[in-house]
Amino acid sequence: MADETGKFEASLFKTADKLRKNIDAAEYKNVVLGLIFLKYISDSFQELYERLEADEYSDPEDRDEYIAENCFFVPEQARWKSLQAKAKLPEIGVAIDDAMSAIEKENAELKHVLPKVYAKPNLDKASLGQLIDVISDIELKAQDESSKDLLGRVYEYFLGEFANAEGKKGGQFYTPKSIVKLMVEMIEPYKGRVYDPACGSGGMFVMSEKFVQEHQGNIQDITIYGQESNQTTWKLSKMNLAIRNINSQFVAWNTEGTFLKDMNPDLKADYILANPPFNQSEWGQDILQEDGRWKYGIPPAGNANFGWMQHMLYHLAPKGVMATVLANGSLSSNTSGEGEIRKNIVLADLVDCIVALPKQLFYNTGIPATIWILRRGKEVRRGETLFIDASEMGFMKDRVHREFSDADIHHIVTTYHQWRQHNNATPVGAPLVGAQSVGARDEGQPQGIAPTAVGYEDIKGFCKSATLTDIEKHSFVLTPGRYVGIEDEEDDGIPFEDKMKELTTTLAAQMQKEKELDEQIKTQLAKIGFEL
C-alpha cells in the first residue's frame, strides 16, 4: 500500500507539474500547495457539515459549531464544490483569490497566510481549471484512509518535489524527510515544548507529531514554537501544520530574523530541532556583541554556525535535548575563535553525539554536514560523547540526491539509544548485527540490515564512545573519522602467497598483451612507410 501510495503521489505531481508551463517552480508551488490546502479544509468542513446536518439540533451553517470542533469554517463561496463548478470559466482565478480572502476573514489564525495569486495574468486559466480537476481526483484514490489524510501526505510530498525543482533555493524551506526523521527519532520528542528557530515549512514539527502518534503518545502533550524570516516560507509552514491539525499559534514570522528579533525570549524548550542556514554571514554580530546568548564565546561576524548553536542552547531547558544540522566546518574550524567556542561547549559536557552525514543529502548544497545532539543535565554517559560516521551510508534516490533508507535510520538510532542505555560502561558482548551493512548503497533499492543486538559496542569505522580526555587529545576537533578509525577490510581467506602469485600472473599477461599490441602497431605503420 505504501509503495502504491508513493506511486500515486509521484504520478499526481508529474501531472500537476505538466500544467506549470512557463511558470517558475518557486512561484508555482504557491499555486498548487494553496489549492491542496483549500481542498483539505473544504473536505474537513464538509465532513463536519454533513454530521451537523444530520443532527436536528445543530445548524451546519453556525460558525461556532466548527470552532468547537477545532475545524476551519469555510464560507459557501469558498467551498471546493463551488470552485470546481467554476473550474472551466475564465474568471476562475479571481474566484479562488476571493475564496482565499473569505476564508481568512472567517478564520483569524489564517489571516495573511493563504496565497492570493490565482488571478495573475501569467497563470493560464485553462491549466488552472485542469489543476482543480487533478486535485479533485485525490479523494477518489483514498481507499483505506480519509481523503484528508491522503491530502496531508500529498502536501508533504509536493513540498519535497518543489524543493528539488528549485534546487538551492528549495533547501531554504525544506529539509529532506530522512534527515528530519533521523533527528526526531534520536531525541524522541514525546512530551513538552518543541522549538525550531529556523522552521522553514514546518517539517520538524510534522515529523515530531508523527513520532508521538506512532509511539501511541498524545499529540496534545507537545506544544510547538517556531520562527521564520521568509514570509512565503512561513505561509507554507502555517498551511502544512494546519493540514496536520497542529496548533501553530506560536510559529511566528518577522523580517528581522531570529537573531535580531527573538520572538520567544523567555522560552526554555524541552526539545529543539533545527536545520539553520549553513555558514551564514552578515547575521548581525556587530549589533549583538554583548548579547546574553553568547555564553561560550562571541560567534564570528562571517559565520553564524556557533551563533545558531548558542541561541538554541540558550533556549534549552535544564534537562532539554537538541538536534541541529550544521556544516562540517563546525567540527574543526578554529577561525575567529570558533575553536575556543567549541572547546567550551565540549568542556561543559553538552555534546552527547556527533553524526557525520554523507554528501548530496540536501537540495541547497552538495557539501556534507553533521548532526549535533546536545543535552543539558546529562544523567547517563557523563563526560562522554558518541561519534557516529554515517558518511558512506544511504542510497542514491536519483542522479544527484542521496537519501537514508529506513534501515540506515534504524541502525543509527538504535546505536545511539543502546549507547545511552549503558551508563559510562561499555559491556563486553557481540557487536551489533548489521554492522557489515554500513557502507555505500547501490543506486537501486534501499538496502541495509537493522541492528538487533541489545548492548552497545564500539564498531571500528562506524561508532566510538569517546571521553573528554580523548577529545582533548584531538584538540577538541570533533570529526567522527578521527575517533571511529578506518573500518577493517573483510578477510577473504586467501593466503598472501596465493594472492601474490595471482597478481604476478595477471601482470605478466597484461605485459604480453601490450607487447603484442606494440608489434601490431609497428607492422601497420611499416605498411604506409613509417619506421619506428
Protein backbone atom coordinates (compact mmCIF):
# COMPACT_ATOMS: atom_id res chain seq x y z
CA MET A 1 0.00 0.00 0.00
CA ALA A 2 2.82 2.40 0.94
CA ASP A 3 4.55 1.76 -2.35
CA GLU A 4 1.32 2.27 -4.28
CA THR A 5 0.67 5.49 -2.36
CA GLY A 6 4.15 6.71 -3.26
CA LYS A 7 3.47 5.95 -6.93
CA PHE A 8 0.18 7.80 -6.75
CA GLU A 9 1.82 10.88 -5.22
CA ALA A 10 4.60 10.82 -7.83
CA SER A 11 2.06 10.44 -10.66
CA LEU A 12 -0.03 13.28 -9.24
CA PHE A 13 2.97 15.59 -9.02
CA LYS A 14 4.02 14.75 -12.59
CA THR A 15 0.52 15.63 -13.82
CA ALA A 16 0.42 18.88 -11.83
CA ASP A 17 3.93 19.84 -12.99
CA LYS A 18 2.93 19.44 -16.66
CA LEU A 19 0.39 22.22 -16.13
CA ARG A 20 3.13 24.54 -14.83
CA LYS A 21 4.19 25.52 -18.36
CA ASN A 22 6.35 28.68 -18.24
CA ILE A 23 5.94 29.50 -14.53
CA ASP A 24 8.96 29.09 -12.22
CA ALA A 25 8.75 26.28 -9.66
CA ALA A 26 9.19 28.83 -6.85
CA GLU A 27 6.01 30.62 -7.93
CA TYR A 28 4.04 27.56 -8.98
CA LYS A 29 4.45 25.82 -5.61
CA ASN A 30 2.27 28.51 -4.02
CA VAL A 31 -0.42 27.89 -6.64
CA VAL A 32 -0.50 24.11 -6.16
CA LEU A 33 0.03 23.94 -2.40
CA GLY A 34 -2.57 26.64 -1.84
CA LEU A 35 -5.15 24.60 -3.78
CA ILE A 36 -4.28 21.39 -1.89
CA PHE A 37 -4.74 23.28 1.36
CA LEU A 38 -8.07 24.69 0.17
CA LYS A 39 -9.23 21.19 -0.78
CA TYR A 40 -8.16 19.87 2.63
CA ILE A 41 -10.01 22.43 4.73
CA SER A 42 -13.05 22.19 2.47
CA ASP A 43 -13.13 18.39 2.92
CA SER A 44 -12.75 18.79 6.69
CA PHE A 45 -15.56 21.33 6.73
CA GLN A 46 -17.81 19.17 4.55
CA GLU A 47 -17.32 16.14 6.78
CA LEU A 48 -18.45 18.07 9.86
CA TYR A 49 -21.17 19.88 7.87
CA GLU A 50 -22.81 16.57 6.98
CA ARG A 51 -22.69 15.39 10.59
CA LEU A 52 -24.32 18.62 11.80
CA GLU A 53 -26.90 18.48 9.03
CA ALA A 54 -27.94 15.01 10.21
CA ASP A 55 -28.42 16.31 13.77
CA GLU A 56 -31.80 18.05 14.11
CA TYR A 57 -30.48 20.16 17.00
CA SER A 58 -27.47 21.56 15.09
CA ASP A 59 -27.11 24.25 12.44
CA PRO A 60 -24.49 23.32 9.81
CA GLU A 61 -24.03 27.00 8.94
CA ASP A 62 -23.31 28.02 12.55
CA ARG A 63 -19.65 29.08 12.68
CA ASP A 64 -19.41 28.33 16.41
CA GLU A 65 -20.07 24.65 15.76
CA TYR A 66 -16.83 24.48 13.77
CA ILE A 67 -14.82 26.43 16.33
CA ALA A 68 -15.94 23.94 18.99
CA GLU A 69 -14.63 21.07 16.84
CA ASN A 70 -11.33 22.85 16.01
CA CYS A 71 -12.33 22.94 12.35
CA PHE A 72 -11.91 25.85 9.93
CA PHE A 73 -15.18 27.45 8.85
CA VAL A 74 -15.40 27.65 5.05
CA PRO A 75 -17.96 30.14 3.67
CA GLU A 76 -20.15 28.89 0.83
CA GLN A 77 -18.32 30.72 -1.97
CA ALA A 78 -15.02 29.12 -0.91
CA ARG A 79 -16.19 25.52 -0.70
CA TRP A 80 -14.46 23.18 -3.12
CA LYS A 81 -17.64 22.13 -4.92
CA SER A 82 -18.43 25.77 -5.64
CA LEU A 83 -14.97 26.38 -7.10
CA GLN A 84 -14.98 23.10 -9.02
CA ALA A 85 -18.20 24.20 -10.73
CA LYS A 86 -16.36 27.30 -12.00
CA ALA A 87 -13.14 25.48 -13.00
CA LYS A 88 -13.68 25.95 -16.76
CA LEU A 89 -14.69 29.63 -16.54
CA PRO A 90 -12.19 32.38 -17.43
CA GLU A 91 -12.80 34.09 -14.07
CA ILE A 92 -11.72 31.02 -12.02
CA GLY A 93 -8.53 32.79 -10.87
CA VAL A 94 -10.49 35.69 -9.37
CA ALA A 95 -12.93 33.23 -7.76
CA ILE A 96 -10.09 31.37 -5.99
CA ASP A 97 -8.46 34.59 -4.77
CA ASP A 98 -11.82 35.73 -3.40
CA ALA A 99 -12.28 32.34 -1.74
CA MET A 100 -8.89 32.64 -0.01
CA SER A 101 -9.78 36.12 1.27
CA ALA A 102 -13.16 34.89 2.53
CA ILE A 103 -11.55 32.00 4.45
CA GLU A 104 -9.01 34.36 6.05
CA LYS A 105 -11.82 36.67 7.10
CA GLU A 106 -13.68 33.82 8.86
CA ASN A 107 -10.58 32.26 10.50
CA ALA A 108 -8.27 34.65 12.33
CA GLU A 109 -5.39 32.14 12.57
CA LEU A 110 -5.18 32.07 8.75
CA LYS A 111 -5.02 35.84 8.33
CA HIS A 112 -2.26 36.86 5.86
CA VAL A 113 -1.39 33.18 5.33
CA LEU A 114 -3.21 31.99 2.20
CA PRO A 115 -1.86 32.70 -1.30
CA LYS A 116 -3.87 35.04 -3.50
CA VAL A 117 -2.00 34.55 -6.77
CA TYR A 118 -4.59 32.88 -8.96
CA ALA A 119 -5.79 35.91 -10.93
CA LYS A 120 -2.26 36.77 -12.12
CA PRO A 121 -2.13 37.12 -15.92
CA ASN A 122 0.86 34.74 -16.27
CA LEU A 123 -1.19 31.85 -14.85
CA ASP A 124 -3.01 30.07 -17.68
CA LYS A 125 -6.65 29.77 -16.60
CA ALA A 126 -7.31 26.62 -18.66
CA SER A 127 -4.39 24.92 -16.91
CA LEU A 128 -5.68 26.19 -13.55
CA GLY A 129 -9.05 24.56 -14.26
CA GLN A 130 -7.30 21.29 -15.13
CA LEU A 131 -5.29 21.51 -11.89
CA ILE A 132 -8.54 21.80 -9.91
CA ASP A 133 -9.76 18.62 -11.62
CA VAL A 134 -6.48 16.82 -10.78
CA ILE A 135 -6.73 17.74 -7.10
CA SER A 136 -10.44 16.86 -7.06
CA ASP A 137 -9.48 13.30 -8.01
CA ILE A 138 -7.42 12.80 -4.82
CA GLU A 139 -10.46 11.84 -2.75
CA LEU A 140 -11.28 9.10 -5.29
CA LYS A 141 -7.90 7.49 -4.56
CA ALA A 142 -8.36 7.44 -0.80
CA GLN A 143 -9.45 3.85 -0.26
CA ASP A 144 -8.12 2.74 3.15
CA GLU A 145 -7.93 6.21 4.68
CA SER A 146 -9.72 9.54 4.60
CA SER A 147 -9.09 11.94 1.75
CA LYS A 148 -7.86 14.41 4.39
CA ASP A 149 -5.02 12.07 5.45
CA LEU A 150 -4.04 11.50 1.85
CA LEU A 151 -4.13 15.24 1.14
CA GLY A 152 -1.75 15.76 4.07
CA ARG A 153 0.71 13.30 2.59
CA VAL A 154 0.33 14.81 -0.88
CA TYR A 155 1.08 18.27 0.53
CA GLU A 156 4.23 16.94 2.22
CA TYR A 157 5.34 15.07 -0.91
CA PHE A 158 4.81 18.12 -3.10
CA LEU A 159 6.86 20.28 -0.72
CA GLY A 160 9.81 17.93 -1.25
CA GLU A 161 9.38 17.80 -5.01
CA PHE A 162 9.18 21.60 -5.32
CA ALA A 163 12.29 21.92 -3.14
CA ASN A 164 14.03 19.54 -5.53
CA ALA A 165 12.84 21.53 -8.55
CA GLU A 166 14.03 24.80 -7.02
CA GLY A 167 17.46 23.40 -6.15
CA LYS A 168 19.48 25.76 -3.97
CA LYS A 169 16.51 27.98 -3.09
CA GLY A 170 14.41 24.92 -2.26
CA GLY A 171 16.80 23.95 0.52
CA GLN A 172 15.93 27.18 2.28
CA PHE A 173 12.43 25.99 3.11
CA TYR A 174 12.73 22.20 3.13
CA THR A 175 14.89 19.68 4.98
CA PRO A 176 14.80 16.22 3.36
CA LYS A 177 12.46 13.85 5.15
CA SER A 178 15.02 11.15 6.01
CA ILE A 179 17.25 13.64 7.85
CA VAL A 180 14.31 15.03 9.83
CA LYS A 181 13.16 11.51 10.71
CA LEU A 182 16.65 10.59 11.93
CA MET A 183 16.89 13.67 14.16
CA VAL A 184 13.39 13.21 15.61
CA GLU A 185 13.91 9.52 16.37
CA MET A 186 17.23 10.26 18.06
CA ILE A 187 15.89 12.83 20.54
CA GLU A 188 12.33 11.41 20.88
CA PRO A 189 10.08 14.46 21.46
CA TYR A 190 7.31 12.72 23.42
CA LYS A 191 6.09 15.44 25.73
CA GLY A 192 6.83 19.13 26.28
CA ARG A 193 7.85 22.18 24.26
CA VAL A 194 9.39 21.65 20.82
CA TYR A 195 11.27 24.59 19.26
CA ASP A 196 12.72 25.31 15.82
CA PRO A 197 14.28 28.79 15.43
CA ALA A 198 14.60 28.39 11.64
CA CYS A 199 11.43 26.40 10.99
CA GLY A 200 11.14 26.61 7.18
CA SER A 201 7.96 24.85 6.04
CA GLY A 202 7.46 23.12 9.41
CA GLY A 203 8.86 19.66 8.60
CA MET A 204 10.45 19.22 12.04
CA PHE A 205 7.08 19.81 13.71
CA VAL A 206 5.21 17.47 11.37
CA MET A 207 7.72 14.66 11.99
CA SER A 208 7.56 15.23 15.77
CA GLU A 209 3.78 14.87 15.61
CA LYS A 210 4.14 11.66 13.57
CA PHE A 211 6.63 10.30 16.11
CA VAL A 212 4.27 10.88 19.01
CA GLN A 213 1.37 9.24 17.18
CA GLU A 214 3.44 6.24 16.03
CA HIS A 215 4.52 5.62 19.64
CA GLN A 216 0.97 5.81 20.98
CA GLY A 217 1.56 9.15 22.64
CA ASN A 218 -0.83 12.10 22.89
CA ILE A 219 -0.26 14.87 20.35
CA GLN A 220 -1.75 17.31 22.86
CA ASP A 221 1.28 16.69 25.09
CA ILE A 222 3.60 18.68 22.82
CA THR A 223 3.49 22.42 22.09
CA ILE A 224 5.43 23.84 19.17
CA TYR A 225 7.34 27.12 18.94
CA GLY A 226 8.97 28.34 15.76
CA GLN A 227 10.27 31.33 13.89
CA GLU A 228 10.88 32.05 10.20
CA SER A 229 12.19 35.18 8.47
CA ASN A 230 10.87 34.40 4.95
CA GLN A 231 7.17 35.25 4.78
CA THR A 232 6.38 32.91 1.87
CA THR A 233 8.02 30.01 3.69
CA TRP A 234 6.18 30.92 6.91
CA LYS A 235 2.89 30.75 4.99
CA LEU A 236 3.82 27.27 3.71
CA SER A 237 4.53 26.18 7.29
CA LYS A 238 1.22 27.53 8.61
CA MET A 239 -0.69 25.61 5.93
CA ASN A 240 1.44 22.49 6.41
CA LEU A 241 0.71 22.49 10.14
CA ALA A 242 -2.99 23.27 9.69
CA ILE A 243 -3.34 20.24 7.40
CA ARG A 244 -1.83 18.14 10.19
CA ASN A 245 -4.15 19.76 12.73
CA ILE A 246 -1.12 21.02 14.66
CA ASN A 247 -1.63 24.24 16.62
CA SER A 248 0.75 26.81 15.11
CA GLN A 249 -0.16 29.87 17.19
CA PHE A 250 3.45 30.11 18.45
CA VAL A 251 5.02 29.86 14.97
CA ALA A 252 5.99 33.44 14.16
CA TRP A 253 7.34 35.44 11.24
CA ASN A 254 9.28 38.69 11.13
CA THR A 255 11.69 40.14 8.61
CA GLU A 256 14.49 40.74 11.13
CA GLY A 257 15.01 37.04 11.79
CA THR A 258 15.68 35.00 14.92
CA PHE A 259 19.00 36.60 15.92
CA LEU A 260 17.88 40.22 15.76
CA LYS A 261 14.29 39.74 16.93
CA ASP A 262 13.86 36.67 19.09
CA MET A 263 10.09 36.08 19.24
CA ASN A 264 10.37 33.67 22.19
CA PRO A 265 12.87 35.41 24.52
CA ASP A 266 11.77 33.55 27.67
CA LEU A 267 11.24 30.11 26.15
CA LYS A 268 13.02 27.12 27.66
CA ALA A 269 12.30 24.21 25.33
CA ASP A 270 12.40 20.54 26.20
CA TYR A 271 13.31 19.64 22.61
CA ILE A 272 14.93 21.70 19.87
CA LEU A 273 15.12 20.55 16.25
CA ALA A 274 16.67 22.77 13.59
CA ASN A 275 18.42 22.96 10.25
CA PRO A 276 19.62 26.59 10.24
CA PRO A 277 21.38 28.19 7.24
CA PHE A 278 24.91 26.80 6.76
CA ASN A 279 27.86 29.18 7.29
CA GLN A 280 25.58 32.26 7.33
CA SER A 281 27.42 35.58 7.08
CA GLU A 282 26.25 39.12 7.95
CA TRP A 283 23.90 37.84 10.63
CA GLY A 284 24.10 40.86 12.93
CA GLN A 285 27.16 40.18 15.06
CA ASP A 286 28.10 43.89 15.16
CA ILE A 287 24.76 44.70 16.86
CA LEU A 288 24.77 41.67 19.18
CA GLN A 289 28.28 41.85 20.68
CA GLU A 290 27.02 41.92 24.27
CA ASP A 291 24.12 39.50 23.80
CA GLY A 292 23.47 37.13 26.71
CA ARG A 293 23.18 34.15 24.39
CA TRP A 294 26.95 34.01 23.78
CA LYS A 295 27.83 32.13 26.97
CA TYR A 296 30.60 30.12 25.33
CA GLY A 297 32.09 32.87 23.15
CA ILE A 298 31.09 35.52 20.61
CA PRO A 299 30.45 33.92 17.18
CA PRO A 300 32.47 35.44 14.32
CA ALA A 301 30.82 38.01 12.05
CA GLY A 302 31.41 35.88 8.95
CA ASN A 303 29.86 32.65 10.20
CA ALA A 304 26.74 32.14 12.32
CA ASN A 305 27.13 28.38 12.94
CA PHE A 306 28.01 28.81 16.62
CA GLY A 307 25.55 31.69 16.86
CA TRP A 308 22.73 29.30 15.97
CA MET A 309 24.07 26.65 18.31
CA GLN A 310 24.36 29.04 21.26
CA HIS A 311 20.95 30.56 20.52
CA MET A 312 19.48 27.06 20.81
CA LEU A 313 21.45 26.24 23.95
CA TYR A 314 20.17 29.47 25.50
CA HIS A 315 16.60 28.28 24.89
CA LEU A 316 17.21 24.70 26.05
CA ALA A 317 15.56 23.64 29.32
CA PRO A 318 17.76 22.31 32.20
CA LYS A 319 17.03 18.70 31.13
CA GLY A 320 16.47 19.52 27.46
CA VAL A 321 17.95 17.88 24.35
CA MET A 322 18.50 19.35 20.91
CA ALA A 323 19.42 18.12 17.44
CA THR A 324 20.75 20.53 14.86
CA VAL A 325 22.35 20.19 11.43
CA LEU A 326 25.46 22.26 10.82
CA ALA A 327 28.11 22.38 8.10
CA ASN A 328 31.11 20.12 8.71
CA GLY A 329 33.33 23.13 9.35
CA SER A 330 31.72 23.48 12.77
CA LEU A 331 33.54 20.29 13.84
CA SER A 332 37.06 21.52 13.24
CA SER A 333 37.23 25.25 12.41
CA ASN A 334 39.50 27.40 14.58
CA THR A 335 38.77 30.59 12.64
CA SER A 336 37.91 33.74 14.62
CA GLY A 337 37.56 31.95 17.94
CA GLU A 338 35.31 29.12 16.74
CA GLY A 339 37.71 26.53 18.15
CA GLU A 340 37.52 28.15 21.59
CA ILE A 341 33.69 28.20 21.50
CA ARG A 342 33.62 24.53 20.53
CA LYS A 343 36.10 23.70 23.32
CA ASN A 344 33.95 25.50 25.90
CA ILE A 345 30.82 23.65 24.76
CA VAL A 346 32.65 20.31 24.96
CA LEU A 347 34.08 21.06 28.43
CA ALA A 348 30.57 21.96 29.62
CA ASP A 349 29.72 18.31 28.78
CA LEU A 350 26.91 19.33 26.42
CA VAL A 351 27.90 17.28 23.37
CA ASP A 352 26.03 13.98 23.51
CA CYS A 353 26.51 12.68 19.97
CA ILE A 354 28.00 13.71 16.63
CA VAL A 355 26.77 12.08 13.40
CA ALA A 356 28.75 12.67 10.20
CA LEU A 357 26.37 12.72 7.22
CA PRO A 358 27.12 11.80 3.60
CA LYS A 359 27.31 14.24 0.71
CA GLN A 360 24.34 15.06 -1.54
CA LEU A 361 21.67 14.79 1.16
CA PHE A 362 20.49 18.39 0.86
CA TYR A 363 18.80 20.23 -2.01
CA ASN A 364 20.64 23.51 -1.49
CA THR A 365 24.20 22.23 -1.12
CA GLY A 366 26.28 19.21 -2.07
CA ILE A 367 28.64 19.59 0.87
CA PRO A 368 28.47 17.07 3.72
CA ALA A 369 27.01 18.15 7.03
CA THR A 370 26.79 16.94 10.61
CA ILE A 371 24.07 16.34 13.17
CA TRP A 372 24.94 17.62 16.65
CA ILE A 373 22.97 16.17 19.57
CA LEU A 374 23.42 18.42 22.61
CA ARG A 375 21.96 17.60 26.01
CA ARG A 376 21.73 19.57 29.25
CA GLY A 377 21.91 17.87 32.65
CA LYS A 378 23.24 14.54 31.39
CA GLU A 379 22.15 11.70 33.64
CA VAL A 380 23.95 8.97 31.70
CA ARG A 381 27.24 8.94 29.82
CA ARG A 382 28.58 11.96 31.68
CA GLY A 383 31.90 13.09 30.28
CA GLU A 384 31.41 11.04 27.11
CA THR A 385 30.42 11.72 23.51
CA LEU A 386 29.29 9.17 20.94
CA PHE A 387 30.78 9.60 17.46
CA ILE A 388 28.95 8.01 14.51
CA ASP A 389 30.36 8.09 10.99
CA ALA A 390 27.44 7.69 8.60
CA SER A 391 29.25 9.44 5.75
CA GLU A 392 29.11 6.38 3.46
CA MET A 393 25.55 5.36 4.28
CA GLY A 394 22.39 5.95 2.26
CA PHE A 395 21.39 5.24 -1.33
CA MET A 396 21.14 7.43 -4.43
CA LYS A 397 17.45 8.39 -4.74
CA ASP A 398 18.16 9.97 -8.10
CA ARG A 399 21.20 11.09 -10.07
CA VAL A 400 22.10 13.92 -7.69
CA HIS A 401 20.41 13.24 -4.34
CA ARG A 402 21.23 10.72 -1.64
CA GLU A 403 18.76 9.56 1.00
CA PHE A 404 18.84 7.38 4.11
CA SER A 405 16.81 4.17 3.98
CA ASP A 406 14.63 3.21 6.95
CA ALA A 407 17.24 0.55 7.79
CA ASP A 408 20.01 3.19 7.84
CA ILE A 409 17.97 5.38 10.18
CA HIS A 410 17.16 2.42 12.42
CA HIS A 411 20.83 1.43 12.59
CA ILE A 412 22.00 4.90 13.64
CA VAL A 413 19.12 5.47 16.08
CA THR A 414 19.50 2.04 17.71
CA THR A 415 23.24 2.54 18.12
CA TYR A 416 22.66 5.88 19.86
CA HIS A 417 19.94 4.62 22.19
CA GLN A 418 21.88 1.47 23.08
CA TRP A 419 24.86 3.68 23.95
CA ARG A 420 22.68 5.86 26.20
CA GLN A 421 21.21 2.84 27.99
CA HIS A 422 24.58 1.96 29.49
CA ASN A 423 25.94 4.50 31.94
CA ASN A 424 29.67 5.05 31.43
CA ALA A 425 30.30 1.38 30.83
CA THR A 426 30.76 -0.46 27.56
CA PRO A 427 29.69 -4.07 28.08
CA VAL A 428 31.63 -6.88 26.51
CA GLY A 429 29.46 -8.67 24.00
CA ALA A 430 28.71 -9.33 20.37
CA PRO A 431 28.84 -6.33 18.03
CA LEU A 432 25.61 -5.02 16.58
CA VAL A 433 24.16 -7.31 13.98
CA GLY A 434 24.17 -5.42 10.71
CA ALA A 435 27.45 -3.59 11.28
CA GLN A 436 28.61 -5.08 7.99
CA SER A 437 25.78 -3.26 6.21
CA VAL A 438 27.29 0.14 6.89
CA GLY A 439 28.61 1.49 3.62
CA ALA A 440 27.64 3.00 0.30
CA ARG A 441 24.46 1.68 -1.28
CA ASP A 442 23.82 0.94 -4.91
CA GLU A 443 21.74 3.37 -6.88
CA GLY A 444 18.82 0.93 -6.86
CA GLN A 445 16.55 0.00 -3.98
CA PRO A 446 17.39 1.00 -0.38
CA GLN A 447 19.35 -1.67 1.46
CA GLY A 448 20.55 -2.24 4.99
CA ILE A 449 20.32 -4.64 7.89
CA ALA A 450 18.90 -3.35 11.15
CA PRO A 451 20.97 -3.96 14.30
CA THR A 452 19.31 -6.41 16.66
CA ALA A 453 21.77 -6.99 19.46
CA VAL A 454 21.00 -5.47 22.89
CA GLY A 455 24.21 -3.79 24.12
CA TYR A 456 26.40 -1.04 22.76
CA GLU A 457 29.90 -1.76 21.48
CA ASP A 458 32.35 0.42 19.56
CA ILE A 459 32.50 -0.62 15.89
CA LYS A 460 35.64 0.35 14.03
CA GLY A 461 34.78 2.58 11.10
CA PHE A 462 31.28 3.34 12.39
CA CYS A 463 30.94 4.34 16.06
CA LYS A 464 33.11 5.19 19.06
CA SER A 465 32.33 6.35 22.60
CA ALA A 466 34.99 8.94 23.49
CA THR A 467 35.79 10.62 26.80
CA LEU A 468 36.53 14.31 27.30
CA THR A 469 40.19 13.30 27.65
CA ASP A 470 40.07 11.61 24.24
CA ILE A 471 38.56 14.74 22.72
CA GLU A 472 41.17 16.97 24.36
CA LYS A 473 43.91 14.82 22.79
CA HIS A 474 42.40 15.73 19.41
CA SER A 475 42.49 19.45 20.31
CA PHE A 476 38.67 19.49 20.60
CA VAL A 477 38.20 18.69 16.92
CA LEU A 478 35.01 16.62 16.67
CA THR A 479 35.29 15.00 13.22
CA PRO A 480 33.95 11.45 13.76
CA GLY A 481 36.55 9.87 11.45
CA ARG A 482 39.27 10.80 13.95
CA TYR A 483 37.59 8.71 16.62
CA VAL A 484 35.96 5.76 14.85
CA GLY A 485 39.05 4.92 12.77
CA ILE A 486 39.02 3.23 9.38
CA GLU A 487 36.76 0.22 9.02
CA ASP A 488 38.68 -3.07 8.82
CA GLU A 489 38.52 -4.71 5.41
CA GLU A 490 36.95 -8.15 5.45
CA ASP A 491 39.43 -11.04 5.23
CA ASP A 492 38.60 -13.13 2.16
CA GLY A 493 40.58 -16.12 3.48
CA ILE A 494 43.02 -16.32 0.51
CA PRO A 495 46.68 -16.84 1.64
CA PHE A 496 49.08 -13.98 0.89
CA GLU A 497 51.37 -16.18 -1.28
CA ASP A 498 48.44 -17.20 -3.50
CA LYS A 499 47.34 -13.57 -3.86
CA MET A 500 50.86 -12.56 -4.96
CA LYS A 501 51.08 -15.48 -7.44
CA GLU A 502 47.71 -14.46 -8.98
CA LEU A 503 48.79 -10.81 -9.17
CA THR A 504 52.11 -11.73 -10.85
CA THR A 505 50.35 -13.93 -13.41
CA THR A 506 47.83 -11.18 -14.20
CA LEU A 507 50.61 -8.59 -14.59
CA ALA A 508 52.64 -10.84 -16.91
CA ALA A 509 49.60 -11.47 -19.10
CA GLN A 510 48.92 -7.74 -19.30
CA MET A 511 52.55 -7.02 -20.31
CA GLN A 512 52.38 -9.71 -23.03
CA LYS A 513 49.20 -8.12 -24.44
CA GLU A 514 50.88 -4.71 -24.53
CA LYS A 515 53.92 -6.21 -26.32
CA GLU A 516 51.71 -7.84 -28.97
CA LEU A 517 49.84 -4.56 -29.47
CA ASP A 518 53.14 -2.70 -29.99
CA GLU A 519 54.16 -5.22 -32.69
CA GLN A 520 50.81 -4.80 -34.47
CA ILE A 521 51.19 -1.01 -34.48
CA LYS A 522 54.73 -1.25 -35.91
CA THR A 523 53.56 -3.61 -38.68
CA GLN A 524 50.69 -1.31 -39.69
CA LEU A 525 52.92 1.78 -39.71
CA ALA A 526 55.53 -0.03 -41.84
CA LYS A 527 52.89 -0.72 -44.46
CA ILE A 528 52.38 3.04 -45.01
CA GLY A 529 56.08 3.84 -44.97
CA PHE A 530 56.70 4.78 -41.31
CA GLU A 531 59.54 3.14 -39.41
CA LEU A 532 59.77 3.17 -35.56
